[in-house]
Amino acid sequence: TFIDMNAKMCKDGKCLTIDKNGSLYNSGFHLSYFGAKLFI
């Protein structure tokens, strides 16, 4: 099974990096708690 992060975070070549909970990235390319929560 593949968990496709691009499919959920990107649309028309543009990708979400910050949402209402704060940054989806914790540092550099690493997802934050909120970013990981998207895929649980």
All heavy atoms as atom14 arrays in JSON, in Angstrom:
{
  "sequence": "TFIDMNAKMCKDGKCLTIDKNGSLYNSGFHLSYFGAKLFI",
  "atom14_mask": [
    [1, 1, 1, 1, 1, 1, 1, 0, 0, 0, 0, 0, 0, 0],
    [1, 1, 1, 1, 1, 1, 1, 1, 1, 1, 1, 0, 0, 0],
    [1, 1, 1, 1, 1, 1, 1, 1, 0, 0, 0, 0, 0, 0],
    [1, 1, 1, 1, 1, 1, 1, 1, 0, 0, 0, 0, 0, 0],
    [1, 1, 1, 1, 1, 1, 1, 1, 0, 0, 0, 0, 0, 0],
    [1, 1, 1, 1, 1, 1, 1, 1, 0, 0, 0, 0, 0, 0],
    [1, 1, 1, 1, 1, 0, 0, 0, 0, 0, 0, 0, 0, 0],
    [1, 1, 1, 1, 1, 1, 1, 1, 1, 0, 0, 0, 0, 0],
    [1, 1, 1, 1, 1, 1, 1, 1, 0, 0, 0, 0, 0, 0],
    [1, 1, 1, 1, 1, 1, 0, 0, 0, 0, 0, 0, 0, 0],
    [1, 1, 1, 1, 1, 1, 1, 1, 1, 0, 0, 0, 0, 0],
    [1, 1, 1, 1, 1, 1, 1, 1, 0, 0, 0, 0, 0, 0],
    [1, 1, 1, 1, 0, 0, 0, 0, 0, 0, 0, 0, 0, 0],
    [1, 1, 1, 1, 1, 1, 1, 1, 1, 0, 0, 0, 0, 0],
    [1, 1, 1, 1, 1, 1, 0, 0, 0, 0, 0, 0, 0, 0],
    [1, 1, 1, 1, 1, 1, 1, 1, 0, 0, 0, 0, 0, 0],
    [1, 1, 1, 1, 1, 1, 1, 0, 0, 0, 0, 0, 0, 0],
    [1, 1, 1, 1, 1, 1, 1, 1, 0, 0, 0, 0, 0, 0],
    [1, 1, 1, 1, 1, 1, 1, 1, 0, 0, 0, 0, 0, 0],
    [1, 1, 1, 1, 1, 1, 1, 1, 1, 0, 0, 0, 0, 0],
    [1, 1, 1, 1, 1, 1, 1, 1, 0, 0, 0, 0, 0, 0],
    [1, 1, 1, 1, 0, 0, 0, 0, 0, 0, 0, 0, 0, 0],
    [1, 1, 1, 1, 1, 1, 0, 0, 0, 0, 0, 0, 0, 0],
    [1, 1, 1, 1, 1, 1, 1, 1, 0, 0, 0, 0, 0, 0],
    [1, 1, 1, 1, 1, 1, 1, 1, 1, 1, 1, 1, 0, 0],
    [1, 1, 1, 1, 1, 1, 1, 1, 0, 0, 0, 0, 0, 0],
    [1, 1, 1, 1, 1, 1, 0, 0, 0, 0, 0, 0, 0, 0],
    [1, 1, 1, 1, 0, 0, 0, 0, 0, 0, 0, 0, 0, 0],
    [1, 1, 1, 1, 1, 1, 1, 1, 1, 1, 1, 0, 0, 0],
    [1, 1, 1, 1, 1, 1, 1, 1, 1, 1, 0, 0, 0, 0],
    [1, 1, 1, 1, 1, 1, 1, 1, 0, 0, 0, 0, 0, 0],
    [1, 1, 1, 1, 1, 1, 0, 0, 0, 0, 0, 0, 0, 0],
    [1, 1, 1, 1, 1, 1, 1, 1, 1, 1, 1, 1, 0, 0],
    [1, 1, 1, 1, 1, 1, 1, 1, 1, 1, 1, 0, 0, 0],
    [1, 1, 1, 1, 0, 0, 0, 0, 0, 0, 0, 0, 0, 0],
    [1, 1, 1, 1, 1, 0, 0, 0, 0, 0, 0, 0, 0, 0],
    [1, 1, 1, 1, 1, 1, 1, 1, 1, 0, 0, 0, 0, 0],
    [1, 1, 1, 1, 1, 1, 1, 1, 0, 0, 0, 0, 0, 0],
    [1, 1, 1, 1, 1, 1, 1, 1, 1, 1, 1, 0, 0, 0],
    [1, 1, 1, 1, 1, 1, 1, 1, 0, 0, 0, 0, 0, 0]
  ],
  "atom14_positions": [
    [[0.86, -1.19, 0.0], [0.0, 0.0, 0.0], [0.89, 1.23, 0.0], [1.88, 1.3, 0.74], [-0.9, 0.02, 1.25], [-1.71, -1.15, 1.27], [-1.79, 1.27, 1.26], [0.0, 0.0, 0.0], [0.0, 0.0, 0.0], [0.0, 0.0, 0.0], [0.0, 0.0, 0.0], [0.0, 0.0, 0.0], [0.0, 0.0, 0.0], [0.0, 0.0, 0.0]],
    [[0.53, 2.21, -0.82], [1.29, 3.47, -0.87], [0.47, 4.59, -0.21], [-0.73, 4.72, -0.46], [1.6, 3.87, -2.32], [2.54, 2.93, -3.01], [2.07, 2.02, -3.95], [3.9, 2.97, -2.74], [2.95, 1.16, -4.6], [4.79, 2.11, -3.39], [4.3, 1.19, -4.31], [0.0, 0.0, 0.0], [0.0, 0.0, 0.0], [0.0, 0.0, 0.0]],
    [[1.13, 5.39, 0.61], [0.54, 6.6, 1.17], [1.07, 7.77, 0.36], [2.23, 8.15, 0.48], [0.88, 6.78, 2.66], [0.45, 5.55, 3.47], [0.25, 8.06, 3.21], [-1.05, 5.3, 3.45], [0.0, 0.0, 0.0], [0.0, 0.0, 0.0], [0.0, 0.0, 0.0], [0.0, 0.0, 0.0], [0.0, 0.0, 0.0], [0.0, 0.0, 0.0]],
    [[0.21, 8.31, -0.5], [0.62, 9.35, -1.45], [0.44, 10.74, -0.82], [-0.67, 11.25, -0.75], [-0.21, 9.23, -2.73], [0.35, 10.1, -3.86], [1.03, 11.08, -3.55], [0.08, 9.77, -5.03], [0.0, 0.0, 0.0], [0.0, 0.0, 0.0], [0.0, 0.0, 0.0], [0.0, 0.0, 0.0], [0.0, 0.0, 0.0], [0.0, 0.0, 0.0]],
    [[1.52, 11.33, -0.38], [1.45, 12.64, 0.28], [1.2, 13.76, -0.71], [0.51, 14.73, -0.4], [2.75, 12.89, 1.06], [3.02, 11.83, 2.12], [4.37, 12.32, 3.21], [4.68, 10.74, 4.02], [0.0, 0.0, 0.0], [0.0, 0.0, 0.0], [0.0, 0.0, 0.0], [0.0, 0.0, 0.0], [0.0, 0.0, 0.0], [0.0, 0.0, 0.0]],
    [[1.76, 13.64, -1.9], [1.55, 14.67, -2.91], [0.08, 14.79, -3.29], [-0.43, 15.89, -3.51], [2.38, 14.36, -4.16], [3.86, 14.62, -3.95], [4.31, 15.75, -3.96], [4.62, 13.56, -3.72], [0.0, 0.0, 0.0], [0.0, 0.0, 0.0], [0.0, 0.0, 0.0], [0.0, 0.0, 0.0], [0.0, 0.0, 0.0], [0.0, 0.0, 0.0]],
    [[-0.62, 13.66, -3.35], [-2.03, 13.67, -3.75], [-2.86, 14.48, -2.79], [-3.83, 15.15, -3.19], [-2.55, 12.24, -3.84], [0.0, 0.0, 0.0], [0.0, 0.0, 0.0], [0.0, 0.0, 0.0], [0.0, 0.0, 0.0], [0.0, 0.0, 0.0], [0.0, 0.0, 0.0], [0.0, 0.0, 0.0], [0.0, 0.0, 0.0], [0.0, 0.0, 0.0]],
    [[-2.53, 14.42, -1.49], [-3.33, 15.13, -0.49], [-2.86, 16.56, -0.27], [-3.66, 17.44, 0.06], [-3.29, 14.36, 0.83], [-4.15, 14.97, 1.92], [-4.47, 13.98, 3.01], [-5.5, 12.97, 2.54], [-6.02, 12.12, 3.65], [0.0, 0.0, 0.0], [0.0, 0.0, 0.0], [0.0, 0.0, 0.0], [0.0, 0.0, 0.0], [0.0, 0.0, 0.0]],
    [[-1.57, 16.82, -0.45], [-1.03, 18.14, -0.11], [-0.9, 19.07, -1.32], [-0.67, 20.26, -1.15], [0.35, 17.98, 0.54], [0.32, 17.25, 1.87], [1.96, 16.99, 2.59], [2.43, 18.66, 3.02], [0.0, 0.0, 0.0], [0.0, 0.0, 0.0], [0.0, 0.0, 0.0], [0.0, 0.0, 0.0], [0.0, 0.0, 0.0], [0.0, 0.0, 0.0]],
    [[-1.03, 18.53, -2.53], [-0.8, 19.34, -3.73], [-2.02, 19.35, -4.64], [-2.76, 18.37, -4.73], [0.4, 18.82, -4.51], [1.93, 18.72, -3.56], [0.0, 0.0, 0.0], [0.0, 0.0, 0.0], [0.0, 0.0, 0.0], [0.0, 0.0, 0.0], [0.0, 0.0, 0.0], [0.0, 0.0, 0.0], [0.0, 0.0, 0.0], [0.0, 0.0, 0.0]],
    [[-2.18, 20.46, -5.35], [-3.24, 20.61, -6.32], [-2.76, 21.56, -7.41], [-2.3, 22.67, -7.11], [-4.52, 21.15, -5.67], [-5.7, 21.21, -6.63], [-6.95, 21.69, -5.9], [-8.15, 21.73, -6.86], [-9.37, 22.22, -6.18], [0.0, 0.0, 0.0], [0.0, 0.0, 0.0], [0.0, 0.0, 0.0], [0.0, 0.0, 0.0], [0.0, 0.0, 0.0]],
    [[-2.84, 21.12, -8.63], [-2.4, 21.93, -9.78], [-0.94, 22.38, -9.64], [-0.59, 23.52, -9.97], [-3.31, 23.16, -9.96], [-4.75, 22.77, -10.22], [-4.97, 21.73, -10.87], [-5.65, 23.5, -9.78], [0.0, 0.0, 0.0], [0.0, 0.0, 0.0], [0.0, 0.0, 0.0], [0.0, 0.0, 0.0], [0.0, 0.0, 0.0], [0.0, 0.0, 0.0]],
    [[-0.12, 21.49, -9.12], [1.31, 21.79, -9.01], [1.69, 22.66, -7.83], [2.86, 22.97, -7.64], [0.0, 0.0, 0.0], [0.0, 0.0, 0.0], [0.0, 0.0, 0.0], [0.0, 0.0, 0.0], [0.0, 0.0, 0.0], [0.0, 0.0, 0.0], [0.0, 0.0, 0.0], [0.0, 0.0, 0.0], [0.0, 0.0, 0.0], [0.0, 0.0, 0.0]],
    [[0.71, 23.07, -7.0], [0.99, 23.88, -5.82], [0.68, 23.06, -4.58], [-0.35, 22.41, -4.49], [0.15, 25.17, -5.84], [0.51, 26.1, -6.98], [-0.34, 27.36, -6.93], [0.02, 28.32, -8.06], [-0.81, 29.55, -8.03], [0.0, 0.0, 0.0], [0.0, 0.0, 0.0], [0.0, 0.0, 0.0], [0.0, 0.0, 0.0], [0.0, 0.0, 0.0]],
    [[1.59, 23.14, -3.6], [1.48, 22.26, -2.44], [1.31, 23.07, -1.15], [1.97, 24.08, -0.94], [2.7, 21.37, -2.33], [3.04, 20.41, -3.82], [0.0, 0.0, 0.0], [0.0, 0.0, 0.0], [0.0, 0.0, 0.0], [0.0, 0.0, 0.0], [0.0, 0.0, 0.0], [0.0, 0.0, 0.0], [0.0, 0.0, 0.0], [0.0, 0.0, 0.0]],
    [[0.45, 22.56, -0.29], [0.16, 23.22, 0.98], [1.35, 23.08, 1.93], [1.89, 21.99, 2.11], [-1.07, 22.58, 1.61], [-1.58, 23.17, 2.93], [-2.11, 24.57, 2.68], [-2.67, 22.28, 3.5], [0.0, 0.0, 0.0], [0.0, 0.0, 0.0], [0.0, 0.0, 0.0], [0.0, 0.0, 0.0], [0.0, 0.0, 0.0], [0.0, 0.0, 0.0]],
    [[1.78, 24.19, 2.51], [2.85, 24.13, 3.5], [2.4, 24.64, 4.86], [2.99, 24.3, 5.87], [4.07, 24.98, 3.06], [3.67, 26.35, 2.91], [4.63, 24.47, 1.75], [0.0, 0.0, 0.0], [0.0, 0.0, 0.0], [0.0, 0.0, 0.0], [0.0, 0.0, 0.0], [0.0, 0.0, 0.0], [0.0, 0.0, 0.0], [0.0, 0.0, 0.0]],
    [[1.38, 25.49, 4.89], [0.87, 26.01, 6.17], [-0.64, 25.94, 6.13], [-1.27, 26.38, 5.17], [1.33, 27.46, 6.41], [2.85, 27.51, 6.56], [0.68, 28.05, 7.65], [3.41, 28.9, 6.78], [0.0, 0.0, 0.0], [0.0, 0.0, 0.0], [0.0, 0.0, 0.0], [0.0, 0.0, 0.0], [0.0, 0.0, 0.0], [0.0, 0.0, 0.0]],
    [[-1.26, 25.39, 7.19], [-2.72, 25.37, 7.26], [-3.16, 26.04, 8.56], [-2.34, 26.65, 9.26], [-3.26, 23.94, 7.14], [-2.97, 23.1, 8.38], [-2.28, 23.6, 9.29], [-3.43, 21.96, 8.42], [0.0, 0.0, 0.0], [0.0, 0.0, 0.0], [0.0, 0.0, 0.0], [0.0, 0.0, 0.0], [0.0, 0.0, 0.0], [0.0, 0.0, 0.0]],
    [[-4.43, 25.93, 8.89], [-4.97, 26.66, 10.04], [-4.35, 26.21, 11.37], [-4.41, 26.93, 12.36], [-6.49, 26.5, 10.1], [-6.94, 25.05, 10.32], [-8.46, 24.97, 10.34], [-8.92, 23.53, 10.56], [-10.4, 23.44, 10.59], [0.0, 0.0, 0.0], [0.0, 0.0, 0.0], [0.0, 0.0, 0.0], [0.0, 0.0, 0.0], [0.0, 0.0, 0.0]],
    [[-3.75, 25.02, 11.4], [-3.12, 24.53, 12.62], [-1.67, 24.95, 12.76], [-1.04, 24.73, 13.78], [-3.18, 22.99, 12.66], [-4.59, 22.48, 12.83], [-5.3, 22.97, 13.69], [-4.98, 21.53, 12.02], [0.0, 0.0, 0.0], [0.0, 0.0, 0.0], [0.0, 0.0, 0.0], [0.0, 0.0, 0.0], [0.0, 0.0, 0.0], [0.0, 0.0, 0.0]],
    [[-1.12, 25.51, 11.71], [0.3, 25.86, 11.74], [1.03, 25.17, 10.61], [0.42, 24.61, 9.7], [0.0, 0.0, 0.0], [0.0, 0.0, 0.0], [0.0, 0.0, 0.0], [0.0, 0.0, 0.0], [0.0, 0.0, 0.0], [0.0, 0.0, 0.0], [0.0, 0.0, 0.0], [0.0, 0.0, 0.0], [0.0, 0.0, 0.0], [0.0, 0.0, 0.0]],
    [[2.33, 25.19, 10.66], [3.13, 24.62, 9.58], [2.94, 23.12, 9.46], [2.87, 22.4, 10.44], [4.6, 24.92, 9.83], [5.42, 24.21, 8.95], [0.0, 0.0, 0.0], [0.0, 0.0, 0.0], [0.0, 0.0, 0.0], [0.0, 0.0, 0.0], [0.0, 0.0, 0.0], [0.0, 0.0, 0.0], [0.0, 0.0, 0.0], [0.0, 0.0, 0.0]],
    [[2.85, 22.63, 8.21], [2.79, 21.19, 7.97], [4.2, 20.59, 7.98], [4.35, 19.38, 7.94], [2.12, 20.9, 6.63], [0.64, 21.29, 6.56], [0.09, 21.02, 5.18], [-0.17, 20.54, 7.6], [0.0, 0.0, 0.0], [0.0, 0.0, 0.0], [0.0, 0.0, 0.0], [0.0, 0.0, 0.0], [0.0, 0.0, 0.0], [0.0, 0.0, 0.0]],
    [[5.2, 21.46, 8.02], [6.6, 21.01, 8.08], [7.2, 21.49, 9.39], [7.05, 22.64, 9.76], [7.41, 21.55, 6.91], [7.01, 20.98, 5.58], [5.97, 21.54, 4.84], [7.66, 19.87, 5.05], [5.59, 21.03, 3.62], [7.28, 19.34, 3.82], [6.24, 19.93, 3.11], [5.87, 19.4, 1.9], [0.0, 0.0, 0.0], [0.0, 0.0, 0.0]],
    [[7.9, 20.59, 10.06], [8.49, 20.95, 11.35], [9.84, 21.6, 11.19], [10.17, 22.56, 11.89], [8.6, 19.69, 12.22], [9.2, 19.98, 13.59], [10.41, 20.05, 13.71], [8.36, 20.15, 14.58], [0.0, 0.0, 0.0], [0.0, 0.0, 0.0], [0.0, 0.0, 0.0], [0.0, 0.0, 0.0], [0.0, 0.0, 0.0], [0.0, 0.0, 0.0]],
    [[10.66, 21.1, 10.29], [11.95, 21.71, 9.99], [12.43, 21.14, 8.67], [12.38, 19.94, 8.46], [12.97, 21.41, 11.09], [13.19, 20.03, 11.21], [0.0, 0.0, 0.0], [0.0, 0.0, 0.0], [0.0, 0.0, 0.0], [0.0, 0.0, 0.0], [0.0, 0.0, 0.0], [0.0, 0.0, 0.0], [0.0, 0.0, 0.0], [0.0, 0.0, 0.0]],
    [[12.87, 22.0, 7.79], [13.31, 21.52, 6.49], [12.21, 20.76, 5.79], [11.09, 21.25, 5.63], [0.0, 0.0, 0.0], [0.0, 0.0, 0.0], [0.0, 0.0, 0.0], [0.0, 0.0, 0.0], [0.0, 0.0, 0.0], [0.0, 0.0, 0.0], [0.0, 0.0, 0.0], [0.0, 0.0, 0.0], [0.0, 0.0, 0.0], [0.0, 0.0, 0.0]],
    [[12.47, 19.51, 5.39], [11.49, 18.69, 4.68], [10.68, 17.81, 5.62], [9.83, 17.05, 5.18], [12.19, 17.78, 3.66], [13.05, 18.53, 2.69], [14.21, 17.97, 2.21], [12.7, 19.8, 2.25], [15.01, 18.65, 1.31], [13.48, 20.49, 1.36], [14.64, 19.92, 0.88], [0.0, 0.0, 0.0], [0.0, 0.0, 0.0], [0.0, 0.0, 0.0]],
    [[10.95, 17.85, 6.93], [10.27, 16.95, 7.86], [8.86, 17.44, 8.18], [8.67, 18.61, 8.51], [11.07, 16.84, 9.15], [12.34, 16.06, 9.0], [13.58, 16.65, 9.09], [12.57, 14.75, 8.76], [14.52, 15.73, 8.91], [13.93, 14.57, 8.7], [0.0, 0.0, 0.0], [0.0, 0.0, 0.0], [0.0, 0.0, 0.0], [0.0, 0.0, 0.0]],
    [[7.91, 16.55, 8.11], [6.54, 16.9, 8.47], [6.44, 17.19, 9.96], [7.17, 16.62, 10.77], [5.59, 15.76, 8.11], [5.36, 15.47, 6.62], [4.41, 14.3, 6.46], [4.81, 16.7, 5.91], [0.0, 0.0, 0.0], [0.0, 0.0, 0.0], [0.0, 0.0, 0.0], [0.0, 0.0, 0.0], [0.0, 0.0, 0.0], [0.0, 0.0, 0.0]],
    [[5.51, 18.06, 10.31], [5.21, 18.34, 11.7], [4.16, 17.35, 12.2], [3.69, 16.49, 11.45], [4.67, 19.76, 11.84], [3.38, 19.83, 11.24], [0.0, 0.0, 0.0], [0.0, 0.0, 0.0], [0.0, 0.0, 0.0], [0.0, 0.0, 0.0], [0.0, 0.0, 0.0], [0.0, 0.0, 0.0], [0.0, 0.0, 0.0], [0.0, 0.0, 0.0]],
    [[3.78, 17.5, 13.45], [2.68, 16.71, 14.0], [1.42, 16.91, 13.15], [0.71, 15.96, 12.84], [2.42, 17.14, 15.44], [1.18, 16.54, 16.05], [1.23, 15.28, 16.66], [-0.04, 17.22, 16.02], [0.09, 14.73, 17.23], [-1.17, 16.67, 16.59], [-1.1, 15.43, 17.19], [-2.24, 14.88, 17.74], [0.0, 0.0, 0.0], [0.0, 0.0, 0.0]],
    [[1.17, 18.16, 12.76], [-0.02, 18.46, 11.97], [0.07, 17.85, 10.58], [-0.93, 17.41, 10.01], [-0.22, 19.97, 11.87], [-0.26, 20.65, 13.21], [0.77, 21.48, 13.6], [-1.31, 20.45, 14.06], [0.76, 22.1, 14.83], [-1.35, 21.06, 15.31], [-0.31, 21.88, 15.69], [0.0, 0.0, 0.0], [0.0, 0.0, 0.0], [0.0, 0.0, 0.0]],
    [[1.29, 17.82, 10.03], [1.47, 17.21, 8.71], [1.24, 15.72, 8.76], [0.56, 15.14, 7.9], [0.0, 0.0, 0.0], [0.0, 0.0, 0.0], [0.0, 0.0, 0.0], [0.0, 0.0, 0.0], [0.0, 0.0, 0.0], [0.0, 0.0, 0.0], [0.0, 0.0, 0.0], [0.0, 0.0, 0.0], [0.0, 0.0, 0.0], [0.0, 0.0, 0.0]],
    [[1.79, 15.06, 9.81], [1.59, 13.63, 9.95], [0.12, 13.29, 10.19], [-0.39, 12.26, 9.73], [2.45, 13.1, 11.1], [0.0, 0.0, 0.0], [0.0, 0.0, 0.0], [0.0, 0.0, 0.0], [0.0, 0.0, 0.0], [0.0, 0.0, 0.0], [0.0, 0.0, 0.0], [0.0, 0.0, 0.0], [0.0, 0.0, 0.0], [0.0, 0.0, 0.0]],
    [[-0.57, 14.18, 10.89], [-1.99, 13.95, 11.22], [-2.86, 13.86, 9.97], [-3.9, 13.21, 9.96], [-2.46, 15.1, 12.12], [-3.81, 14.88, 12.77], [-4.12, 16.02, 13.74], [-5.45, 15.78, 14.43], [-5.76, 16.9, 15.36], [0.0, 0.0, 0.0], [0.0, 0.0, 0.0], [0.0, 0.0, 0.0], [0.0, 0.0, 0.0], [0.0, 0.0, 0.0]],
    [[-2.42, 14.53, 8.9], [-3.18, 14.49, 7.64], [-3.35, 13.07, 7.11], [-4.34, 12.77, 6.43], [-2.47, 15.32, 6.57], [-2.64, 16.83, 6.56], [-1.83, 17.43, 5.41], [-4.1, 17.22, 6.43], [0.0, 0.0, 0.0], [0.0, 0.0, 0.0], [0.0, 0.0, 0.0], [0.0, 0.0, 0.0], [0.0, 0.0, 0.0], [0.0, 0.0, 0.0]],
    [[-2.39, 12.21, 7.42], [-2.36, 10.89, 6.78], [-2.7, 9.74, 7.71], [-2.66, 8.59, 7.29], [-0.96, 10.67, 6.17], [-0.57, 11.75, 5.21], [0.27, 12.78, 5.61], [-1.04, 11.75, 3.91], [0.62, 13.79, 4.73], [-0.69, 12.76, 3.02], [0.14, 13.77, 3.43], [0.0, 0.0, 0.0], [0.0, 0.0, 0.0], [0.0, 0.0, 0.0]],
    [[-3.03, 10.04, 8.97], [-3.27, 8.96, 9.92], [-4.46, 8.1, 9.52], [-4.42, 6.86, 9.66], [-3.43, 9.53, 11.36], [-3.47, 8.37, 12.36], [-4.64, 10.42, 11.47], [-2.22, 7.55, 12.41], [0.0, 0.0, 0.0], [0.0, 0.0, 0.0], [0.0, 0.0, 0.0], [0.0, 0.0, 0.0], [0.0, 0.0, 0.0], [0.0, 0.0, 0.0]]
  ]
}
